[in-house]
Protein backbone atom coordinates (compact mmCIF):
# COMPACT_ATOMS: atom_id res chain seq x y z
CA MET A 1 0.10 -21.30 -0.97
CA PRO A 2 -1.75 -24.47 0.04
CA THR A 3 -4.94 -25.27 -1.78
CA ALA A 4 -8.01 -24.81 0.39
CA PRO A 5 -9.87 -28.07 1.15
CA GLN A 6 -13.12 -26.74 -0.33
CA GLN A 7 -11.40 -26.40 -3.71
CA ARG A 8 -10.91 -30.14 -4.10
CA ALA A 9 -12.48 -31.70 -7.18
CA GLU A 10 -15.74 -33.54 -6.50
CA PHE A 11 -17.12 -36.74 -7.97
CA MET A 12 -20.15 -36.45 -10.21
CA GLU A 13 -23.24 -38.50 -9.57
CA PRO A 14 -24.15 -40.97 -12.35
CA PRO A 15 -26.17 -39.04 -14.97
CA SER A 16 -29.83 -39.84 -15.48
CA MET A 17 -30.39 -42.18 -18.44
CA SER A 18 -33.84 -43.67 -17.85
CA ARG A 19 -35.58 -41.46 -20.45
CA THR A 20 -32.85 -42.10 -23.04
CA ILE A 21 -33.09 -45.86 -22.57
CA ALA A 22 -36.89 -45.76 -22.59
CA ALA A 23 -36.85 -43.84 -25.89
CA SER A 24 -34.95 -46.76 -27.44
CA GLY A 25 -37.84 -49.09 -26.72
CA VAL A 26 -36.28 -51.01 -23.80
CA LYS A 27 -36.48 -50.66 -20.04
CA SER A 28 -33.69 -49.94 -17.58
CA VAL A 29 -32.92 -51.90 -14.44
CA SER A 30 -30.25 -51.35 -11.80
CA THR A 31 -29.51 -55.01 -11.02
CA GLU A 32 -29.29 -56.56 -14.49
CA ASN A 33 -26.07 -58.56 -14.73
CA GLY A 34 -26.95 -61.07 -17.42
CA TRP A 35 -26.57 -58.86 -20.50
CA PRO A 36 -24.26 -58.63 -22.18
CA SER A 37 -22.25 -61.71 -21.25
CA SER A 38 -18.47 -61.68 -20.94
CA GLN A 39 -18.24 -63.41 -24.35
CA TRP A 40 -20.77 -61.08 -25.94
CA TRP A 41 -19.49 -61.72 -29.48
CA ARG A 42 -21.03 -65.21 -29.41
CA ALA A 43 -24.43 -63.52 -29.73
CA PHE A 44 -23.65 -63.06 -33.44
CA ARG A 45 -23.51 -66.87 -33.78
CA SER A 46 -20.51 -66.79 -36.14
CA ALA A 47 -17.91 -69.50 -35.59
CA GLU A 48 -15.45 -67.61 -37.78
CA LEU A 49 -15.83 -64.43 -35.71
CA ASP A 50 -15.33 -66.48 -32.54
CA ALA A 51 -12.11 -67.93 -33.96
CA VAL A 52 -10.72 -64.55 -35.04
CA ILE A 53 -11.42 -62.99 -31.63
CA GLY A 54 -9.92 -66.01 -29.86
CA LYS A 55 -6.72 -65.66 -31.85
CA SER A 56 -6.60 -61.92 -31.18
CA LEU A 57 -6.86 -62.45 -27.43
CA LEU A 58 -3.80 -64.70 -27.62
CA GLY A 59 -1.60 -62.78 -30.05
CA ASN A 60 -2.42 -59.08 -29.80
CA GLN A 61 0.66 -57.08 -28.78
CA GLY A 62 -1.29 -54.24 -27.16
CA LEU A 63 -3.07 -56.69 -24.85
CA ARG A 64 0.25 -58.29 -23.91
CA LYS A 65 1.72 -54.88 -23.15
CA ALA A 66 -1.22 -54.05 -20.87
CA ALA A 67 -0.76 -57.38 -19.08
CA ASP A 68 2.95 -56.64 -18.58
CA THR A 69 2.06 -53.23 -17.13
CA LEU A 70 -0.28 -54.94 -14.67
CA LYS A 71 2.56 -57.22 -13.55
CA ASP A 72 4.69 -54.14 -12.93
CA ALA A 73 1.92 -52.56 -10.85
CA GLU A 74 1.51 -55.75 -8.81
CA ALA A 75 5.25 -55.79 -8.13
CA ALA A 76 5.00 -52.19 -6.89
CA VAL A 77 2.44 -53.40 -4.31
CA ASP A 78 5.04 -55.82 -2.91
CA ILE A 79 7.60 -53.02 -2.71
CA ALA A 80 5.18 -50.66 -0.94
CA GLY A 81 4.07 -53.40 1.45
CA SER A 82 7.66 -54.00 2.55
CA ARG A 83 7.66 -50.61 4.32
CA LEU A 84 5.23 -51.95 6.92
CA THR A 85 7.58 -54.69 8.12
CA PRO A 86 11.05 -54.54 9.70
CA TYR A 87 14.06 -54.86 7.44
CA VAL A 88 16.13 -57.79 8.72
CA GLU A 89 19.62 -58.55 7.45
CA ALA A 90 22.59 -60.74 8.38
CA ASP A 91 26.17 -59.52 7.87
CA LEU A 92 29.51 -61.29 7.86
CA SER A 93 32.58 -59.24 7.05
CA TYR A 94 36.33 -59.38 7.37
CA LYS A 95 38.72 -56.46 7.43
CA GLN A 96 42.51 -56.36 7.04
CA TYR A 97 44.17 -53.00 7.66
CA ARG A 98 47.48 -51.32 8.69
CA TYR A 99 47.97 -48.23 10.88
CA ALA A 100 50.18 -45.54 9.47
CA GLU A 101 53.43 -45.05 11.37
CA HIS A 102 52.74 -41.33 11.74
CA GLY A 103 48.96 -41.33 11.46
CA VAL A 104 46.19 -40.45 13.88
CA ALA A 105 46.23 -43.83 15.64
CA ALA A 106 50.02 -43.61 16.12
CA GLY A 107 49.63 -40.08 17.50
CA LEU A 108 47.24 -41.36 20.15
CA ASN A 109 49.21 -44.54 20.84
CA PRO A 110 52.74 -44.76 19.37
CA LEU A 111 52.76 -48.51 19.89
CA GLN A 112 50.04 -48.84 17.19
CA GLY A 113 52.14 -47.19 14.47
CA GLY A 114 52.94 -49.56 11.62
CA LYS A 115 50.93 -52.44 13.07
CA GLN A 116 48.64 -54.62 10.93
CA LYS A 117 45.26 -55.73 12.19
CA SER A 118 42.69 -58.35 11.24
CA ALA A 119 39.07 -57.91 12.25
CA ALA A 120 35.95 -60.01 11.77
CA PHE A 121 32.31 -59.04 12.25
CA LEU A 122 29.34 -61.41 12.41
CA ASN A 123 25.87 -59.90 12.79
CA PRO A 124 23.27 -62.66 12.43
CA ILE A 125 20.51 -60.13 12.96
CA SER A 126 20.27 -56.51 11.99
CA ALA A 127 16.79 -54.99 11.86
CA LYS A 128 15.34 -51.57 11.16
CA TRP A 129 11.67 -50.66 11.44
CA GLU A 130 9.87 -47.38 10.92
CA LEU A 131 6.91 -47.15 13.29
CA ASP A 132 4.03 -46.03 11.09
CA PHE A 133 2.24 -43.84 13.63
CA TRP A 134 0.52 -41.60 11.07
CA GLY A 135 -0.30 -44.26 8.49
CA LYS A 136 2.08 -42.90 5.84
CA ASN A 137 3.42 -46.28 4.78
CA ARG A 138 -0.02 -47.84 4.92
CA ALA A 139 -1.29 -45.05 2.67
CA LEU A 140 1.53 -45.67 0.20
CA LEU A 141 0.62 -49.36 0.17
CA ASP A 142 -3.06 -48.55 -0.43
CA ALA A 143 -2.01 -46.18 -3.23
CA ALA A 144 0.00 -48.96 -4.86
CA ILE A 145 -2.96 -51.34 -4.51
CA GLY A 146 -5.19 -48.68 -6.10
CA ASP A 147 -2.77 -48.34 -9.00
CA ALA A 148 -2.76 -52.12 -9.47
CA LEU A 149 -6.56 -52.25 -9.43
CA ALA A 150 -6.68 -49.36 -11.88
CA GLN A 151 -4.26 -51.17 -14.16
CA ALA A 152 -6.39 -54.31 -13.91
CA GLY A 153 -9.35 -52.22 -15.07
CA GLU A 154 -7.28 -50.80 -17.91
CA LEU A 155 -6.31 -54.32 -18.93
CA GLU A 156 -10.00 -55.23 -19.10
CA GLN A 157 -10.66 -52.05 -21.06
CA THR A 158 -7.89 -52.97 -23.49
CA ARG A 159 -9.43 -56.43 -23.90
CA LEU A 160 -12.84 -54.86 -24.51
CA LEU A 161 -11.47 -52.41 -27.09
CA LEU A 162 -9.62 -55.27 -28.79
CA THR A 163 -12.64 -57.58 -29.06
CA THR A 164 -14.94 -54.79 -30.25
CA SER A 165 -12.37 -53.63 -32.82
CA VAL A 166 -12.04 -57.17 -34.13
CA ALA A 167 -15.82 -57.56 -34.29
CA ARG A 168 -16.24 -54.28 -36.18
CA ALA A 169 -13.50 -55.13 -38.68
CA TYR A 170 -14.93 -58.61 -39.26
CA LEU A 171 -18.53 -57.45 -39.61
CA ARG A 172 -17.53 -54.61 -41.94
CA GLY A 173 -15.53 -57.06 -44.03
CA TYR A 174 -18.47 -59.45 -44.16
CA ILE A 175 -20.90 -56.73 -45.27
CA LEU A 176 -18.43 -55.40 -47.84
CA ALA A 177 -18.03 -58.92 -49.22
CA GLU A 178 -21.80 -59.24 -49.55
CA GLN A 179 -21.96 -55.88 -51.28
CA LEU A 180 -19.12 -56.91 -53.59
CA LYS A 181 -21.19 -59.86 -54.81
CA LEU A 182 -24.03 -57.50 -55.65
CA ALA A 183 -21.60 -55.01 -57.23
CA LYS A 184 -20.25 -57.69 -59.57
CA GLU A 185 -23.78 -58.64 -60.61
CA LEU A 186 -24.61 -54.97 -61.16
CA THR A 187 -21.49 -54.53 -63.26
CA GLY A 188 -22.67 -57.38 -65.47
CA LEU A 189 -26.09 -55.76 -65.90
CA ARG A 190 -24.53 -52.36 -66.70
CA ARG A 191 -22.28 -54.04 -69.24
CA GLU A 192 -25.26 -55.69 -70.88
CA LEU A 193 -27.10 -52.35 -71.04
CA ARG A 194 -24.06 -50.74 -72.61
CA GLN A 195 -23.82 -53.52 -75.23
CA LEU A 196 -27.52 -53.19 -76.06
CA ALA A 197 -27.16 -49.43 -76.43
CA GLU A 198 -24.14 -49.79 -78.73
CA THR A 199 -25.98 -52.36 -80.87
CA ARG A 200 -29.00 -50.11 -81.19
CA TYR A 201 -26.77 -47.14 -82.02
CA GLN A 202 -24.99 -49.11 -84.75
CA THR A 203 -28.33 -50.00 -86.28
CA GLY A 204 -29.44 -46.37 -86.09
CA ILE A 205 -32.16 -46.95 -83.51
CA GLU A 206 -30.44 -45.21 -80.56
CA ILE A 207 -28.72 -41.84 -80.24
CA LEU A 208 -25.11 -41.47 -79.10
CA ASP A 209 -26.10 -39.72 -75.84
CA ILE A 210 -27.76 -42.90 -74.59
CA VAL A 211 -24.65 -44.92 -75.46
CA GLN A 212 -22.40 -42.52 -73.56
CA LEU A 213 -24.70 -42.67 -70.53
CA ALA A 214 -24.61 -46.48 -70.58
CA ARG A 215 -20.82 -46.42 -70.79
CA SER A 216 -20.62 -43.97 -67.89
CA ASN A 217 -22.89 -46.16 -65.75
CA GLU A 218 -20.75 -49.20 -66.51
CA GLU A 219 -17.54 -47.40 -65.52
CA ALA A 220 -19.18 -46.24 -62.27
CA ALA A 221 -20.08 -49.85 -61.51
CA VAL A 222 -16.51 -50.98 -62.22
CA ARG A 223 -15.11 -48.28 -59.93
CA ARG A 224 -17.50 -49.25 -57.13
CA GLU A 225 -16.40 -52.86 -57.48
CA ALA A 226 -12.72 -51.83 -57.23
CA ALA A 227 -13.43 -49.62 -54.20
CA LEU A 228 -15.18 -52.47 -52.41
CA THR A 229 -12.29 -54.84 -53.13
CA ALA A 230 -9.82 -52.34 -51.65
CA ALA A 231 -12.06 -51.75 -48.61
CA ILE A 232 -12.21 -55.50 -47.94
CA GLU A 233 -8.42 -55.72 -48.07
CA ILE A 234 -8.19 -52.89 -45.54
CA GLN A 235 -10.44 -54.78 -43.13
CA GLU A 236 -8.37 -57.93 -43.66
CA ASN A 237 -5.19 -55.98 -42.88
CA ALA A 238 -6.81 -54.58 -39.73
CA LEU A 239 -7.81 -58.06 -38.58
CA ALA A 240 -4.31 -59.40 -39.19
CA ARG A 241 -2.78 -56.62 -37.10
CA LEU A 242 -5.30 -57.15 -34.30
CA MET A 243 -4.46 -60.86 -34.31
CA GLY A 244 -0.76 -60.00 -33.95
CA GLU A 245 0.13 -61.39 -37.38
CA GLY A 246 1.30 -60.14 -40.77
CA PRO A 247 -1.16 -59.15 -43.53
CA ASP A 248 -1.02 -62.55 -45.24
CA VAL A 249 -2.79 -64.35 -42.38
CA ALA A 250 -6.14 -62.68 -43.21
CA ARG A 251 -5.70 -62.34 -46.95
CA GLY A 252 -8.77 -63.70 -48.74
CA LEU A 253 -10.58 -64.27 -45.45
CA PHE A 254 -13.93 -63.09 -46.79
CA ALA A 255 -13.46 -64.49 -50.27
CA ARG A 256 -13.12 -68.01 -48.89
CA ARG A 257 -15.76 -67.53 -46.20
CA LYS A 258 -18.28 -70.36 -46.10
CA SER A 259 -19.58 -69.92 -42.55
CA VAL A 260 -23.09 -68.92 -41.58
CA ALA A 261 -23.84 -65.22 -41.85
CA PRO A 262 -23.60 -63.33 -38.52
CA ALA A 263 -26.95 -63.06 -36.77
CA GLN A 264 -28.39 -59.78 -35.51
CA PRO A 265 -28.36 -60.12 -31.70
CA ALA A 266 -31.67 -59.37 -30.05
CA LEU A 267 -31.77 -56.64 -27.44
CA PRO A 268 -32.85 -57.68 -23.95
CA SER A 269 -36.02 -56.32 -22.45
CA LYS A 270 -33.96 -54.48 -19.85
CA LEU A 271 -30.57 -52.77 -19.91
CA PRO A 272 -28.21 -52.21 -16.95
CA ILE A 273 -27.67 -48.56 -16.04
CA GLU A 274 -25.10 -48.92 -13.25
CA LEU A 275 -22.25 -48.01 -15.58
CA LEU A 276 -19.72 -47.81 -12.74
CA ALA A 277 -20.08 -51.53 -12.03
CA HIS A 278 -20.04 -52.50 -15.71
CA ARG A 279 -17.44 -50.21 -17.28
CA PRO A 280 -13.77 -51.19 -16.73
CA ASP A 281 -12.55 -47.74 -17.73
CA LEU A 282 -14.76 -46.15 -15.05
CA MET A 283 -13.48 -48.59 -12.45
CA ALA A 284 -9.89 -47.79 -13.45
CA ALA A 285 -10.52 -44.04 -13.22
CA LEU A 286 -12.08 -44.36 -9.75
CA ARG A 287 -9.26 -46.56 -8.41
CA ARG A 288 -6.72 -44.11 -9.81
CA ALA A 289 -8.40 -41.26 -7.91
CA GLU A 290 -8.45 -43.35 -4.73
CA ALA A 291 -4.72 -43.98 -5.11
CA TRP A 292 -3.99 -40.25 -5.35
CA ALA A 293 -6.16 -39.64 -2.27
CA GLU A 294 -3.92 -42.04 -0.33
CA ARG A 295 -0.84 -40.21 -1.58
CA ILE A 296 -2.29 -36.98 -0.19
CA HIS A 297 -2.43 -38.67 3.23
CA ALA A 298 1.19 -39.82 2.86
CA ALA A 299 2.26 -36.29 1.87
CA LYS A 300 0.52 -34.87 4.96
CA ALA A 301 2.18 -37.44 7.23
CA MET A 302 5.58 -36.17 6.11
CA PHE A 303 4.90 -32.93 8.04
CA LEU A 304 4.71 -34.92 11.30
CA PRO A 305 7.49 -36.53 13.37
CA SER A 306 8.50 -40.07 12.52
CA ILE A 307 10.10 -42.69 14.74
CA ASP A 308 12.25 -45.57 13.62
CA LEU A 309 13.98 -48.30 15.57
CA SER A 310 17.26 -50.00 14.66
CA VAL A 311 18.39 -53.17 16.41
CA SER A 312 21.55 -55.15 15.74
CA ALA A 313 23.30 -57.93 17.60
CA GLY A 314 26.36 -59.97 16.73
CA LEU A 315 30.01 -60.81 17.36
CA GLU A 316 33.15 -58.77 16.84
CA ALA A 317 36.86 -59.60 17.22
CA SER A 318 40.18 -58.01 16.25
CA VAL A 319 43.81 -59.29 16.41
CA THR A 320 47.16 -58.36 14.97
CA SER A 321 47.87 -60.03 11.67
CA THR A 322 50.57 -62.17 13.26
CA GLN A 323 47.95 -63.67 15.58
CA PHE A 324 45.46 -64.52 12.85
CA ALA A 325 44.90 -68.05 14.21
CA LYS A 326 43.40 -66.54 17.37
CA LEU A 327 40.79 -64.54 15.44
CA GLY A 328 38.26 -67.38 15.26
CA GLY A 329 38.61 -68.13 18.95
CA TYR A 330 38.04 -64.52 19.87
CA LEU A 331 35.09 -64.17 17.48
CA PHE A 332 33.13 -67.19 18.71
CA ASN A 333 33.41 -66.28 22.35
CA PRO A 334 30.75 -64.93 24.70
CA GLY A 335 32.91 -61.92 25.33
CA ALA A 336 32.76 -60.97 21.62
CA MET A 337 29.05 -60.25 21.73
CA VAL A 338 27.96 -56.74 20.74
CA TYR A 339 24.53 -55.22 20.30
CA SER A 340 22.91 -51.89 19.76
CA VAL A 341 19.37 -50.53 20.03
CA THR A 342 18.88 -47.15 18.37
CA PRO A 343 15.50 -45.43 18.45
CA GLY A 344 15.35 -42.34 16.30
CA LEU A 345 13.00 -39.37 16.21
CA HIS A 346 12.89 -37.26 13.05
CA LEU A 347 11.02 -33.98 13.15
CA PRO A 348 10.87 -31.85 9.98
CA ILE A 349 11.07 -28.20 11.00
CA PHE A 350 11.94 -26.25 7.88
CA GLN A 351 12.28 -27.84 4.44
CA GLY A 352 12.23 -24.71 2.28
CA GLY A 353 8.73 -25.45 0.97
CA LYS A 354 9.59 -28.99 -0.14
CA LEU A 355 6.85 -30.71 1.88
CA THR A 356 4.23 -28.11 0.97
CA GLY A 357 5.12 -28.39 -2.70
CA ASN A 358 4.89 -32.18 -2.53
CA LEU A 359 1.45 -31.99 -0.86
CA GLU A 360 0.12 -29.55 -3.44
CA SER A 361 1.46 -31.73 -6.23
CA GLN A 362 -0.43 -34.75 -4.84
CA ARG A 363 -3.58 -32.64 -4.47
CA ALA A 364 -3.32 -31.44 -8.06
CA ASP A 365 -2.87 -35.02 -9.29
CA TYR A 366 -5.91 -36.08 -7.25
CA ASP A 367 -8.01 -33.29 -8.77
CA GLN A 368 -6.94 -34.36 -12.24
CA ALA A 369 -7.86 -37.97 -11.46
CA VAL A 370 -11.32 -36.95 -10.22
CA ASP A 371 -11.89 -34.76 -13.28
CA ALA A 372 -10.77 -37.66 -15.49
CA TYR A 373 -13.30 -39.91 -13.73
CA ASN A 374 -16.09 -37.38 -14.28
CA GLU A 375 -15.18 -37.03 -17.94
CA THR A 376 -15.10 -40.82 -18.36
CA LEU A 377 -18.51 -41.07 -16.68
CA LEU A 378 -20.06 -38.51 -19.05
CA THR A 379 -18.40 -40.15 -22.05
CA ALA A 380 -19.78 -43.54 -20.99
CA ALA A 381 -23.31 -42.15 -20.74
CA GLN A 382 -22.96 -40.48 -24.14
CA GLN A 383 -21.69 -43.68 -25.74
CA VAL A 384 -24.67 -45.63 -24.44
CA ALA A 385 -27.08 -42.95 -25.68
CA ASP A 386 -25.37 -42.73 -29.09
CA ALA A 387 -25.34 -46.51 -29.53
CA LEU A 388 -29.03 -46.77 -28.69
CA ALA A 389 -29.91 -43.91 -31.05
CA THR A 390 -27.85 -45.40 -33.89
CA LEU A 391 -29.34 -48.82 -33.31
CA LYS A 392 -32.87 -47.41 -33.31
CA ARG A 393 -32.21 -45.47 -36.54
CA ALA A 394 -30.63 -48.47 -38.27
CA ARG A 395 -33.53 -50.68 -37.25
CA ALA A 396 -36.08 -48.21 -38.64
CA GLU A 397 -34.09 -47.76 -41.88
CA HIS A 398 -33.73 -51.52 -42.26
CA GLU A 399 -37.48 -52.05 -41.96
CA SER A 400 -38.23 -49.21 -44.39
CA GLN A 401 -35.66 -50.42 -46.91
CA GLY A 402 -37.05 -53.94 -46.61
CA ARG A 403 -40.50 -52.69 -47.62
CA PHE A 404 -38.95 -50.77 -50.51
CA ILE A 405 -37.12 -53.87 -51.74
CA ARG A 406 -40.27 -55.96 -51.62
CA ALA A 407 -42.00 -53.37 -53.80
CA ARG A 408 -39.08 -53.35 -56.22
CA ARG A 409 -39.08 -57.13 -56.48
CA ALA A 410 -42.76 -57.11 -57.23
CA GLU A 411 -42.10 -54.60 -60.06
CA VAL A 412 -39.28 -56.79 -61.42
CA GLU A 413 -41.54 -59.84 -61.39
CA LEU A 414 -44.26 -57.96 -63.28
CA ALA A 415 -41.64 -56.75 -65.75
CA ARG A 416 -40.48 -60.33 -66.25
CA ILE A 417 -44.02 -61.38 -67.08
CA ARG A 418 -44.43 -58.49 -69.54
CA LEU A 419 -41.06 -59.30 -71.09
CA GLY A 420 -42.09 -62.91 -71.58
CA GLY A 421 -45.30 -61.75 -73.23
CA GLY A 422 -43.46 -59.34 -75.52
CA LEU A 423 -45.06 -56.32 -73.87
CA GLN A 424 -41.82 -54.78 -72.54
CA ASP A 425 -38.34 -54.05 -73.88
CA ARG A 426 -35.44 -56.04 -72.39
CA ARG A 427 -33.58 -52.84 -71.59
CA GLU A 428 -36.36 -51.72 -69.28
CA PHE A 429 -36.38 -55.08 -67.54
CA ILE A 430 -32.59 -55.01 -67.01
CA GLN A 431 -32.78 -51.45 -65.67
CA GLN A 432 -35.53 -52.38 -63.21
CA HIS A 433 -33.50 -55.42 -62.13
CA ALA A 434 -30.45 -53.19 -61.60
CA ASP A 435 -32.52 -50.71 -59.58
CA MET A 436 -33.71 -53.54 -57.38
CA LEU A 437 -30.12 -54.74 -56.84
CA ASP A 438 -29.09 -51.18 -55.94
CA ALA A 439 -31.78 -51.21 -53.25
CA VAL A 440 -30.47 -54.54 -51.93
CA PHE A 441 -26.94 -53.07 -51.97
CA ILE A 442 -28.14 -50.25 -49.74
CA GLN A 443 -29.92 -52.75 -47.53
CA ARG A 444 -26.67 -54.64 -46.97
CA GLY A 445 -25.04 -51.43 -45.80
CA ILE A 446 -27.89 -50.81 -43.36
CA GLU A 447 -27.51 -54.37 -42.06
CA GLY A 448 -23.87 -53.56 -41.42
CA ASP A 449 -24.88 -50.41 -39.56
CA ARG A 450 -27.17 -52.46 -37.33
CA LEU A 451 -24.45 -54.99 -36.56
CA ILE A 452 -21.85 -52.31 -35.82
CA ALA A 453 -24.33 -50.35 -33.66
CA THR A 454 -24.90 -53.51 -31.63
CA VAL A 455 -21.14 -53.85 -31.12
CA ASP A 456 -21.07 -50.20 -30.03
CA LEU A 457 -23.78 -50.92 -27.48
CA PHE A 458 -21.93 -53.97 -26.18
CA GLN A 459 -18.85 -51.80 -25.70
CA ALA A 460 -20.76 -48.89 -24.15
CA LEU A 461 -22.26 -51.24 -21.55
CA GLY A 462 -18.85 -52.69 -20.64
CA GLY A 463 -18.87 -55.92 -22.63
CA GLY A 464 -20.12 -58.06 -19.75
CA TYR A 465 -17.68 -56.66 -17.18
CA ASP A 466 -19.25 -56.60 -13.71
CA ALA A 467 -16.32 -56.39 -11.27
CA GLY A 468 -16.51 -52.65 -10.75
CA PRO A 469 -17.58 -50.90 -7.53
CA GLN A 470 -21.20 -50.29 -6.80
CA ALA A 471 -22.73 -46.81 -6.95
CA HIS A 472 -23.35 -46.74 -3.18
CA GLU A 473 -19.68 -47.24 -2.27
CA PRO A 474 -18.12 -44.16 -0.59
CA ARG A 475 -15.85 -41.93 -2.66
CA PRO A 476 -12.47 -40.65 -1.47
CA ALA A 477 -12.49 -37.55 0.73
CA PRO A 478 -8.81 -36.77 1.38
CA GLU A 479 -9.44 -33.44 3.13
CA THR A 480 -11.45 -35.12 5.90
CA ASP A 481 -8.29 -36.94 6.99
CA PRO A 482 -7.87 -36.73 10.84
CA ILE A 483 -4.33 -35.38 10.53
CA THR A 484 -5.37 -32.53 8.23
CA PRO A 485 -5.96 -29.97 11.05
CA VAL A 486 -2.51 -30.69 12.53
CA VAL A 487 -0.84 -30.30 9.13
CA ASP A 488 -2.71 -27.03 8.58
CA VAL A 489 -1.34 -25.70 11.87
CA VAL A 490 2.19 -26.76 10.96
CA GLN A 491 1.88 -25.02 7.59
CA SER A 492 0.49 -21.87 9.19
CA LEU A 493 3.59 -21.72 11.40
CA GLY A 494 5.85 -21.88 8.36
CA GLY A 495 6.69 -25.58 8.57
CA GLY A 496 7.29 -27.66 5.47
């Protein structure tokens, strides 16, 4: 049974985001194209990050594969476009044959039995052209163009995912390296506390429970240091893979790092909300749906009569094999000219449900493409909202932790003064210093969260992509096709 036109999937309108963006402390604008830029990662002002991303864009295998797929889609456009033009060929052939002595030719003319013949054919022009009355071939070409545009969007999406993945891996590695420095310093302080506890225990001043606690704290510090070292290696391995290299290329990347620390990019005063124009995955999903809409038109056109025209003109000659020298003279002679003009009309009457099944298949694929677009649109809106919420939370936590660290440092400075005046035990001073370093350790993690949340926002807003369609552009409506009523009549009569 054919699917009723009113059951076609419908495109969603862009979801409202103004309140979500306003809650993040920035304003929304529908014509903002300047943020982020196409090279958004330069906002972190890290030459080393720029170099790693540049190498990834050249060597990443996934990006190369996406580019190869785009080439394949572009070649398909050339193939589809060829259907709109006549096929023109030139033929030159030679044939040597012998009639059977008691065959069909001999039965019709006994004098031909056992004779050998030579024949030559020269057709300098042979053309065939299907007249595209119903726009079937044009629709197939538009579908191929839509697929190519969709693949171009997917290539841009692959590039965006690659650059954001590299940025996350690099920034995580940088933060982990900063935390590792603090972890090593904390391990030294825990070791000193353990040594002091053991000395006091040996002199009978301290109980064994305190010694065991100091030892446990030292082991926890050592384990944290080992975990950070392993986590850094994992980020280095990820960067090497993203760059299209083996693990050794990024080994020790953060240990030998001497570049300036990545800066926290500032948010603009306004954010773009036209996600369709700025998200390559949304553009790809829309173009894919448009391609399937064109295929619906092509499937409908197959219910209608088609006309093609074949034209050929050339020369033809035939002689007995004993007169082979005369063949050329006969061939290149005005009397050897032959031509044919063959118009053809093809009318599908009954195809056993083949045409109907093909149409319903195209409709189902179109519905899936529209649903995929709607899902991508909702996902895009969620990603923007999540990135803004995470960025807002990280910013608030960073400010709060900064105030906490300043208070801790003030306590450590007072403890240092009391220690110098003999008013405080060294163990208390070391413990307060360690507590302050623990707070700084947490602060480094929050800094990493802010940097990663910014990358997430760059990705959610399309990474500077602005080649997508505008929100006011019309969406496909395949069931409003002018030939739809005719096809419906044909189907109602049992055709297809």
